[in-house]
Protein backbone atom coordinates (compact mmCIF):
# COMPACT_ATOMS: atom_id res chain seq x y z
CA UNK A 1 -41.54 -326.83 135.48
CA UNK A 2 -42.33 -323.44 137.01
CA UNK A 3 -45.87 -322.16 137.43
CA UNK A 4 -46.78 -319.19 135.28
CA UNK A 5 -48.18 -316.06 136.89
CA UNK A 6 -51.34 -314.59 135.46
CA UNK A 7 -51.10 -310.90 134.71
CA UNK A 8 -54.36 -309.02 135.06
CA UNK A 9 -54.85 -305.72 133.35
CA UNK A 10 -56.68 -303.06 135.40
CA UNK A 11 -59.13 -302.53 132.53
CA UNK A 12 -60.61 -306.01 132.96
CA UNK A 13 -61.13 -305.63 136.70
CA UNK A 14 -63.14 -302.42 136.34
CA UNK A 15 -66.04 -303.98 134.43
CA UNK A 16 -68.60 -305.64 136.72
CA UNK A 17 -72.10 -306.92 136.04
CA UNK A 18 -74.99 -306.18 138.39
CA UNK A 19 -76.12 -309.33 140.21
CA UNK A 20 -79.81 -308.25 140.10
CA UNK A 21 -80.38 -306.66 136.68
CA UNK A 22 -77.39 -308.03 134.73
CA UNK A 23 -76.32 -304.65 133.32
CA UNK A 24 -72.73 -303.44 133.33
CA UNK A 25 -71.77 -301.25 136.29
CA UNK A 26 -69.97 -297.95 135.77
CA UNK A 27 -68.97 -295.98 138.84
CA UNK A 28 -70.07 -296.52 142.43
CA UNK A 29 -71.79 -299.74 143.44
CA UNK A 30 -72.26 -302.09 146.37
CA UNK A 31 -69.75 -304.93 146.77
CA UNK A 32 -70.77 -307.91 148.94
CA UNK A 33 -68.57 -310.88 149.76
CA UNK A 34 -70.70 -313.80 151.00
CA UNK A 35 -69.82 -316.54 153.47
CA UNK A 36 -69.20 -318.88 150.56
CA UNK A 37 -66.59 -316.44 149.21
CA UNK A 38 -68.68 -315.43 146.20
CA UNK A 39 -68.63 -311.78 145.21
CA UNK A 40 -71.76 -309.78 144.42
CA UNK A 41 -71.74 -306.38 142.72
CA UNK A 42 -75.06 -304.48 142.79
CA UNK A 43 -76.16 -301.02 141.57
CA UNK A 44 -77.35 -298.67 144.29
CA UNK A 45 -80.68 -298.44 142.40
CA UNK A 46 -81.12 -302.23 142.46
CA UNK A 47 -80.52 -302.66 146.19
CA UNK A 48 -83.58 -304.18 147.90
CA UNK A 49 -85.22 -301.93 150.48
CA UNK A 50 -83.82 -298.70 148.98
CA UNK A 51 -86.91 -297.52 147.08
CA UNK A 52 -87.49 -293.79 146.90
CA UNK A 53 -90.71 -292.44 148.39
CA UNK A 54 -92.14 -289.38 146.63
């Protein structure tokens, strides 16, 4: 019995959810791979310590 290969479509890989706010990410974002091999995707606006000072 041969193992079946999973085919991933590129459309499914493009959609990520923000780890902080939970909204879908479109465009540029921060990708973090932790020591435990989990993957975090975060909006630039949601990054801690990146508040704008006016």
